[in-house]
Amino acid sequence: MSRRLWLGLLAIFALLWWFGHRSFTPAVATRSGSSVVCVTPPAFDDPDLPLQSPVSGQMSPFRLDNATVTPLAGLSLQATVLSRENYSFGRESDYSPTDLALGWGPMKDIGIARKLDVSQSGRWFHYSWGSEGPPVPLSDIISHSSNMHMVPADAAVADSLAHVRTGETVRLAGWLVRIDGDDGWHWQSSLSRDDSGDGACELVYVCSIERR
């Protein structure tokens, strides 16, 4: 093997390693030069229903890299992981390295989920079914599943997120947020579980995520 080819292969492996590790390295959130404490919002009462709660002064806007993060609502839920996708490219990946497609209520049943063809790409969550039709009414699929962009609050959350696998049950607590870049770029969470299409995904600043 020529020296040039050998060096080229080493460069490729180094680049792949860098992107792989970069995917789970969270940005450091700061407020007036100090680390931000991710205050956990109220926990859900019903494991079949996500709980969205008001901010009520618990979390103030804070700095994250070259952007300001504004909490819009608390979010707490238990759900089945229908699919996961990691991202290393694009402005969004600087904040959110992973999307989780989550299902709750009737969509938490992995048997139901397996009757759907579930996939993720381009920060979207896609599902389809065969000639027999959807396993549950389409309205239930829309209102009981979602693609969520995960923004880990710290390295421990990022590590937990890295180990989440399709088919597992997770408990998640955090904040639906809007991210405003200093250059005018912005990214905002949906505040509804009943919407679909463009803008329907949740952008979640994750305080904690537990695998079950």
Protein backbone atom coordinates (compact mmCIF):
# COMPACT_ATOMS: atom_id res chain seq x y z
CA MET A 1 0.00 0.00 0.00
CA SER A 2 1.41 3.37 -0.99
CA ARG A 3 2.16 5.96 1.66
CA ARG A 4 -0.29 8.41 0.05
CA LEU A 5 -3.13 5.86 0.13
CA TRP A 6 -2.30 4.95 3.71
CA LEU A 7 -2.40 8.59 4.80
CA GLY A 8 -5.68 9.07 2.93
CA LEU A 9 -7.28 6.15 4.78
CA LEU A 10 -6.03 7.49 8.12
CA ALA A 11 -7.56 10.88 7.32
CA ILE A 12 -10.91 9.28 6.47
CA PHE A 13 -10.96 7.23 9.68
CA ALA A 14 -10.02 10.32 11.71
CA LEU A 15 -12.84 12.32 10.12
CA LEU A 16 -15.38 9.56 10.79
CA TRP A 17 -14.21 9.30 14.40
CA TRP A 18 -14.51 13.07 14.85
CA PHE A 19 -18.05 13.23 13.48
CA GLY A 20 -19.10 10.24 15.57
CA HIS A 21 -17.85 11.78 18.79
CA ARG A 22 -19.03 15.26 17.84
CA SER A 23 -22.60 13.94 17.59
CA PHE A 24 -22.82 13.51 21.35
CA THR A 25 -20.78 16.47 22.59
CA PRO A 26 -23.28 19.01 23.91
CA ALA A 27 -22.69 22.73 23.73
CA VAL A 28 -22.10 24.39 27.10
CA ALA A 29 -25.00 26.50 28.30
CA THR A 30 -24.06 29.62 30.23
CA ARG A 31 -25.87 32.43 32.02
CA SER A 32 -23.66 35.37 33.00
CA GLY A 33 -20.61 33.15 32.71
CA SER A 34 -21.99 30.37 34.93
CA SER A 35 -23.29 26.94 34.08
CA VAL A 36 -27.06 26.74 33.70
CA VAL A 37 -28.94 24.46 36.07
CA CYS A 38 -31.63 22.59 34.13
CA VAL A 39 -34.59 22.77 36.52
CA THR A 40 -36.82 19.73 36.04
CA PRO A 41 -40.43 20.65 35.20
CA PRO A 42 -43.44 19.02 36.91
CA ALA A 43 -43.67 15.27 36.27
CA PHE A 44 -46.57 13.70 34.36
CA ASP A 45 -49.41 12.04 36.26
CA ASP A 46 -50.55 9.75 33.45
CA PRO A 47 -47.81 7.69 31.72
CA ASP A 48 -49.99 7.60 28.59
CA LEU A 49 -50.12 11.39 28.27
CA PRO A 50 -47.24 13.90 28.05
CA LEU A 51 -47.51 16.79 30.49
CA GLN A 52 -46.85 20.27 29.14
CA SER A 53 -46.52 22.86 31.88
CA PRO A 54 -45.94 26.65 32.02
CA VAL A 55 -42.45 28.00 32.52
CA SER A 56 -43.60 30.16 35.47
CA GLY A 57 -40.14 31.64 35.96
CA GLN A 58 -38.48 28.28 36.63
CA MET A 59 -36.17 28.59 33.61
CA SER A 60 -35.01 31.95 32.27
CA PRO A 61 -33.50 32.47 28.80
CA PHE A 62 -29.83 31.52 28.69
CA ARG A 63 -26.87 31.49 26.33
CA LEU A 64 -25.84 28.38 24.39
CA ASP A 65 -22.84 28.86 22.11
CA ASN A 66 -23.66 31.84 19.86
CA ALA A 67 -27.39 31.74 20.56
CA THR A 68 -30.03 32.49 23.16
CA VAL A 69 -32.29 29.66 24.31
CA THR A 70 -35.76 30.66 25.53
CA PRO A 71 -37.81 28.03 27.43
CA LEU A 72 -41.43 28.07 26.20
CA ALA A 73 -43.00 25.26 28.26
CA GLY A 74 -42.07 22.30 30.43
CA LEU A 75 -42.40 18.77 29.03
CA SER A 76 -42.50 15.47 30.90
CA LEU A 77 -43.44 12.13 29.34
CA GLN A 78 -42.96 8.40 29.17
CA ALA A 79 -42.85 6.90 25.69
CA THR A 80 -41.63 4.08 23.49
CA VAL A 81 -38.76 4.86 21.12
CA LEU A 82 -40.14 4.12 17.65
CA SER A 83 -36.95 5.21 15.90
CA ARG A 84 -33.80 7.28 16.45
CA GLU A 85 -31.56 9.20 14.08
CA ASN A 86 -28.25 10.96 14.71
CA TYR A 87 -27.14 14.10 12.87
CA SER A 88 -23.68 15.59 12.38
CA PHE A 89 -24.31 18.14 9.64
CA GLY A 90 -26.30 21.35 9.54
CA ARG A 91 -26.72 24.23 11.97
CA GLU A 92 -29.28 22.24 13.97
CA SER A 93 -26.77 19.49 14.81
CA ASP A 94 -24.67 22.03 16.75
CA TYR A 95 -27.45 21.95 19.35
CA SER A 96 -29.37 18.73 18.76
CA PRO A 97 -27.28 15.66 17.79
CA THR A 98 -30.20 13.22 17.92
CA ASP A 99 -33.88 12.99 17.05
CA LEU A 100 -36.11 10.47 18.81
CA ALA A 101 -39.42 9.42 17.28
CA LEU A 102 -41.53 8.70 20.35
CA GLY A 103 -44.92 7.05 20.85
CA TRP A 104 -47.26 7.12 23.87
CA GLY A 105 -50.80 5.98 24.60
CA PRO A 106 -51.79 3.49 21.87
CA MET A 107 -48.50 4.17 20.08
CA LYS A 108 -46.42 2.94 23.02
CA ASP A 109 -47.33 -0.64 22.06
CA ILE A 110 -44.30 -1.84 20.11
CA GLY A 111 -46.57 -4.39 18.37
CA ILE A 112 -48.62 -1.51 16.94
CA ALA A 113 -45.47 0.37 15.94
CA ARG A 114 -44.14 -2.68 14.10
CA LYS A 115 -47.19 -2.61 11.85
CA LEU A 116 -45.99 0.77 10.61
CA ASP A 117 -42.99 1.48 8.43
CA VAL A 118 -41.25 4.09 10.59
CA SER A 119 -38.20 6.08 9.46
CA GLN A 120 -36.46 9.41 10.04
CA SER A 121 -34.50 11.66 7.71
CA GLY A 122 -33.83 15.35 7.27
CA ARG A 123 -35.15 16.03 10.79
CA TRP A 124 -38.51 14.51 9.80
CA PHE A 125 -40.42 11.49 11.12
CA HIS A 126 -42.06 9.34 8.44
CA TYR A 127 -44.52 6.47 8.75
CA SER A 128 -46.58 4.41 6.32
CA TRP A 129 -48.57 1.19 6.27
CA GLY A 130 -49.53 -1.61 3.93
CA SER A 131 -52.75 -2.49 2.16
CA GLU A 132 -54.40 -3.46 5.45
CA GLY A 133 -54.39 0.19 6.53
CA PRO A 134 -53.06 1.85 9.70
CA PRO A 135 -53.11 -0.29 12.89
CA VAL A 136 -54.85 2.53 14.78
CA PRO A 137 -56.78 5.56 13.48
CA LEU A 138 -54.55 8.13 11.79
CA SER A 139 -55.70 10.77 14.28
CA ASP A 140 -54.30 8.60 17.10
CA ILE A 141 -50.97 8.21 15.31
CA ILE A 142 -50.70 11.99 14.89
CA SER A 143 -51.70 12.84 18.48
CA HIS A 144 -49.74 10.04 20.17
CA SER A 145 -46.38 10.17 18.41
CA SER A 146 -43.86 12.80 17.45
CA ASN A 147 -40.35 13.43 16.22
CA MET A 148 -38.46 15.27 18.96
CA HIS A 149 -35.15 17.12 18.52
CA MET A 150 -33.06 16.44 21.62
CA VAL A 151 -30.80 19.18 23.01
CA PRO A 152 -28.83 17.59 25.90
CA ALA A 153 -28.41 19.89 28.90
CA ASP A 154 -25.07 18.36 29.91
CA ALA A 155 -22.60 15.57 29.19
CA ALA A 156 -24.45 13.07 31.40
CA VAL A 157 -27.69 13.58 29.47
CA ALA A 158 -25.78 13.34 26.19
CA ASP A 159 -24.27 10.03 27.31
CA SER A 160 -27.69 8.64 28.30
CA LEU A 161 -29.11 9.80 24.99
CA ALA A 162 -26.32 8.05 23.12
CA HIS A 163 -27.39 4.70 24.59
CA VAL A 164 -31.12 4.97 23.85
CA ARG A 165 -32.27 2.28 21.42
CA THR A 166 -35.38 1.69 19.31
CA GLY A 167 -38.01 -0.31 21.19
CA GLU A 168 -37.01 0.94 24.63
CA THR A 169 -39.22 2.90 26.99
CA VAL A 170 -37.82 6.25 28.10
CA ARG A 171 -38.84 8.83 30.68
CA LEU A 172 -37.92 12.35 29.65
CA ALA A 173 -38.10 15.71 31.38
CA GLY A 174 -37.07 19.06 29.95
CA TRP A 175 -38.20 22.23 28.25
CA LEU A 176 -39.67 23.06 24.87
CA VAL A 177 -37.51 25.88 23.60
CA ARG A 178 -36.78 28.43 20.93
CA ILE A 179 -33.15 28.94 19.87
CA ASP A 180 -32.20 32.33 18.41
CA GLY A 181 -28.77 32.63 16.84
CA ASP A 182 -26.87 35.91 17.06
CA ASP A 183 -26.93 36.03 13.24
CA GLY A 184 -30.74 35.90 13.00
CA TRP A 185 -31.13 32.14 12.59
CA HIS A 186 -33.80 30.56 14.77
CA TRP A 187 -35.36 27.19 15.56
CA GLN A 188 -38.59 26.83 17.53
CA SER A 189 -40.45 23.95 19.12
CA SER A 190 -44.05 23.04 18.49
CA LEU A 191 -46.26 23.53 21.54
CA SER A 192 -48.91 21.02 20.50
CA ARG A 193 -49.07 17.21 20.39
CA ASP A 194 -51.89 17.28 17.83
CA ASP A 195 -50.14 18.96 14.91
CA SER A 196 -48.36 17.36 11.96
CA GLY A 197 -46.16 18.42 9.07
CA ASP A 198 -43.69 21.29 8.96
CA GLY A 199 -43.10 22.84 12.39
CA ALA A 200 -44.80 20.01 14.29
CA CYS A 201 -41.65 18.61 15.91
CA GLU A 202 -40.70 19.35 19.50
CA LEU A 203 -37.34 20.98 20.23
CA VAL A 204 -36.50 19.75 23.74
CA TYR A 205 -33.79 20.99 26.07
CA VAL A 206 -33.42 17.74 28.00
CA CYS A 207 -32.80 17.86 31.76
CA SER A 208 -33.02 14.09 32.19
CA ILE A 209 -33.71 10.96 30.18
CA GLU A 210 -34.04 7.50 31.72
CA ARG A 211 -34.16 4.18 29.88
CA ARG A 212 -36.62 1.60 31.18
